Structure formats: structure tokens, C-alpha cells
Amino acid sequence: MKLSTLKFKIYTKDSCDFCIRAKHTLSTMDLTYDEIRLEEHPEEKARLKAEGFKTVPQIYFGERHIGGYTELVKYLTDEKVYTRQSA
């Protein structure tokens, strides 16, 4: 199964460079994601804080928590879950 058929969820803040990098990485790989901007969703910010998360981005693939930007890159590389389609 190609990763491009599946969706990521990214919790972000506007002033976060690693959030921007994570979205850029997924976009350049033609992978879809839903972005939850914590400034617009204080209930999600409170939920993440209650779960012990202190930084953003927090990235999920389905129900699986990936981590932040560094963990996303590692996940995409180590798991070899992404295969670029030929043009």
C-alpha cells in the first residue's frame, strides 16, 4: 500500500519552524495531512498537554503517534513506507 493513500494529522502552532518543515516534507512527498492549529483549538491544546506533550508539532499517522519533525523523517525513512510514484 502506498503511503500517499493514507493521512497524517499534525498539531501545530503558527510560530513553529519544525511544524512548517513537517508540513513541507509531507507536501513535497505528495502525502495528505490534516492540520490542527492549536491557536484555533484550545481544547486540543489542553488535551495534548494533559497527555504530557510539551512541544509541537505532534504528528500522528492514523492512530499511531509518530512524534515531532525528527521522528517523522525517521519514520518515513526507516519504515520505508513511502514509495515515490514515477511521473
C-alpha atoms as a PDB file:
ATOM      1  CA  MET A   1       0.000   0.000   0.000  1.00  0.00           C
ATOM      2  CA  LYS A   2       1.330   3.398  -0.907  1.00  0.00           C
ATOM      3  CA  LEU A   3       1.550   5.910   1.907  1.00  0.00           C
ATOM      4  CA  SER A   4       0.024   8.585  -0.314  1.00  0.00           C
ATOM      5  CA  THR A   5      -3.378   6.925   0.139  1.00  0.00           C
ATOM      6  CA  LEU A   6      -3.224   7.413   3.917  1.00  0.00           C
ATOM      7  CA  LYS A   7      -3.467  10.572   6.006  1.00  0.00           C
ATOM      8  CA  PHE A   8      -1.385  12.217   8.721  1.00  0.00           C
ATOM      9  CA  LYS A   9      -2.623  14.549  11.433  1.00  0.00           C
ATOM     10  CA  ILE A  10      -0.334  17.362  12.574  1.00  0.00           C
ATOM     11  CA  TYR A  11      -0.896  19.513  15.661  1.00  0.00           C
ATOM     12  CA  THR A  12       0.842  22.841  15.072  1.00  0.00           C
ATOM     13  CA  LYS A  13       1.445  26.396  16.263  1.00  0.00           C
ATOM     14  CA  ASP A  14       1.853  29.308  13.863  1.00  0.00           C
ATOM     15  CA  SER A  15       5.333  30.303  15.060  1.00  0.00           C
ATOM     16  CA  CYS A  16       6.814  26.800  14.887  1.00  0.00           C
ATOM     17  CA  ASP A  17       9.620  26.216  12.366  1.00  0.00           C
ATOM     18  CA  PHE A  18       9.500  22.441  12.825  1.00  0.00           C
ATOM     19  CA  CYS A  19       5.750  22.494  12.100  1.00  0.00           C
ATOM     20  CA  ILE A  20       6.469  24.280   8.837  1.00  0.00           C
ATOM     21  CA  ARG A  21       9.182  21.752   7.989  1.00  0.00           C
ATOM     22  CA  ALA A  22       6.912  18.788   8.735  1.00  0.00           C
ATOM     23  CA  LYS A  23       4.123  20.149   6.518  1.00  0.00           C
ATOM     24  CA  HIS A  24       6.627  20.929   3.765  1.00  0.00           C
ATOM     25  CA  THR A  25       8.113  17.425   3.943  1.00  0.00           C
ATOM     26  CA  LEU A  26       4.723  15.783   3.618  1.00  0.00           C
ATOM     27  CA  SER A  27       3.596  18.158   0.869  1.00  0.00           C
ATOM     28  CA  THR A  28       6.708  17.619  -1.242  1.00  0.00           C
ATOM     29  CA  MET A  29       6.140  13.871  -0.953  1.00  0.00           C
ATOM     30  CA  ASP A  30       2.506  14.308  -2.077  1.00  0.00           C
ATOM     31  CA  LEU A  31       1.244  12.973   1.259  1.00  0.00           C
ATOM     32  CA  THR A  32      -2.005  14.305   2.663  1.00  0.00           C
ATOM     33  CA  TYR A  33      -2.439  15.584   6.187  1.00  0.00           C
ATOM     34  CA  ASP A  34      -4.921  17.365   8.402  1.00  0.00           C
ATOM     35  CA  GLU A  35      -3.524  20.306  10.340  1.00  0.00           C
ATOM     36  CA  ILE A  36      -4.913  21.197  13.757  1.00  0.00           C
ATOM     37  CA  ARG A  37      -3.717  24.700  14.647  1.00  0.00           C
ATOM     38  CA  LEU A  38      -3.616  24.851  18.431  1.00  0.00           C
ATOM     39  CA  GLU A  39      -4.250  28.619  18.452  1.00  0.00           C
ATOM     40  CA  GLU A  40      -7.652  27.858  16.942  1.00  0.00           C
ATOM     41  CA  HIS A  41      -8.367  24.731  19.010  1.00  0.00           C
ATOM     42  CA  PRO A  42      -7.609  25.368  22.699  1.00  0.00           C
ATOM     43  CA  GLU A  43      -9.386  22.135  23.654  1.00  0.00           C
ATOM     44  CA  GLU A  44      -6.865  20.161  21.591  1.00  0.00           C
ATOM     45  CA  LYS A  45      -4.002  22.101  23.160  1.00  0.00           C
ATOM     46  CA  ALA A  46      -5.338  21.194  26.618  1.00  0.00           C
ATOM     47  CA  ARG A  47      -5.724  17.529  25.611  1.00  0.00           C
ATOM     48  CA  LEU A  48      -2.155  17.307  24.312  1.00  0.00           C
ATOM     49  CA  LYS A  49      -0.847  18.994  27.449  1.00  0.00           C
ATOM     50  CA  ALA A  50      -2.820  16.553  29.622  1.00  0.00           C
ATOM     51  CA  GLU A  51      -1.225  13.683  27.693  1.00  0.00           C
ATOM     52  CA  GLY A  52       2.209  15.073  28.564  1.00  0.00           C
ATOM     53  CA  PHE A  53       3.183  16.670  25.258  1.00  0.00           C
ATOM     54  CA  LYS A  54       5.093  19.933  25.644  1.00  0.00           C
ATOM     55  CA  THR A  55       6.213  20.655  22.088  1.00  0.00           C
ATOM     56  CA  VAL A  56       4.845  20.823  18.573  1.00  0.00           C
ATOM     57  CA  PRO A  57       4.475  19.511  16.056  1.00  0.00           C
ATOM     58  CA  GLN A  58       2.846  16.360  17.309  1.00  0.00           C
ATOM     59  CA  ILE A  59       2.262  14.072  14.361  1.00  0.00           C
ATOM     60  CA  TYR A  60       0.008  11.049  14.051  1.00  0.00           C
ATOM     61  CA  PHE A  61      -0.399   8.565  11.240  1.00  0.00           C
ATOM     62  CA  GLY A  62      -3.859   7.178  11.736  1.00  0.00           C
ATOM     63  CA  GLU A  63      -3.971   6.274  15.433  1.00  0.00           C
ATOM     64  CA  ARG A  64      -0.187   5.820  15.646  1.00  0.00           C
ATOM     65  CA  HIS A  65       1.735   8.644  17.325  1.00  0.00           C
ATOM     66  CA  ILE A  66       4.853   9.401  15.277  1.00  0.00           C
ATOM     67  CA  GLY A  67       6.294  12.277  17.350  1.00  0.00           C
ATOM     68  CA  GLY A  68       7.754  15.519  16.071  1.00  0.00           C
ATOM     69  CA  TYR A  69       9.517  16.530  12.875  1.00  0.00           C
ATOM     70  CA  THR A  70      12.672  14.481  13.502  1.00  0.00           C
ATOM     71  CA  GLU A  71      10.616  11.378  14.263  1.00  0.00           C
ATOM     72  CA  LEU A  72       8.540  11.965  11.112  1.00  0.00           C
ATOM     73  CA  VAL A  73      11.651  11.990   8.919  1.00  0.00           C
ATOM     74  CA  LYS A  74      12.945   8.861  10.666  1.00  0.00           C
ATOM     75  CA  TYR A  75       9.557   7.160  10.273  1.00  0.00           C
ATOM     76  CA  LEU A  76       9.370   7.943   6.567  1.00  0.00           C
ATOM     77  CA  THR A  77      12.964   6.762   6.045  1.00  0.00           C
ATOM     78  CA  ASP A  78      13.334   3.772   8.381  1.00  0.00           C
ATOM     79  CA  GLU A  79       9.931   2.238   7.818  1.00  0.00           C
ATOM     80  CA  LYS A  80      10.357   2.581   4.061  1.00  0.00           C
ATOM     81  CA  VAL A  81       6.648   3.322   3.928  1.00  0.00           C
ATOM     82  CA  TYR A  82       6.922   5.851   1.138  1.00  0.00           C
ATOM     83  CA  THR A  83       7.457   4.972  -2.484  1.00  0.00           C
ATOM     84  CA  ARG A  84       7.582   7.921  -4.863  1.00  0.00           C
ATOM     85  CA  GLN A  85       5.403   7.344  -7.895  1.00  0.00           C
ATOM     86  CA  SER A  86       7.097   7.801 -11.237  1.00  0.00           C
ATOM     87  CA  ALA A  87       5.860  10.724 -13.323  1.00  0.00           C
END
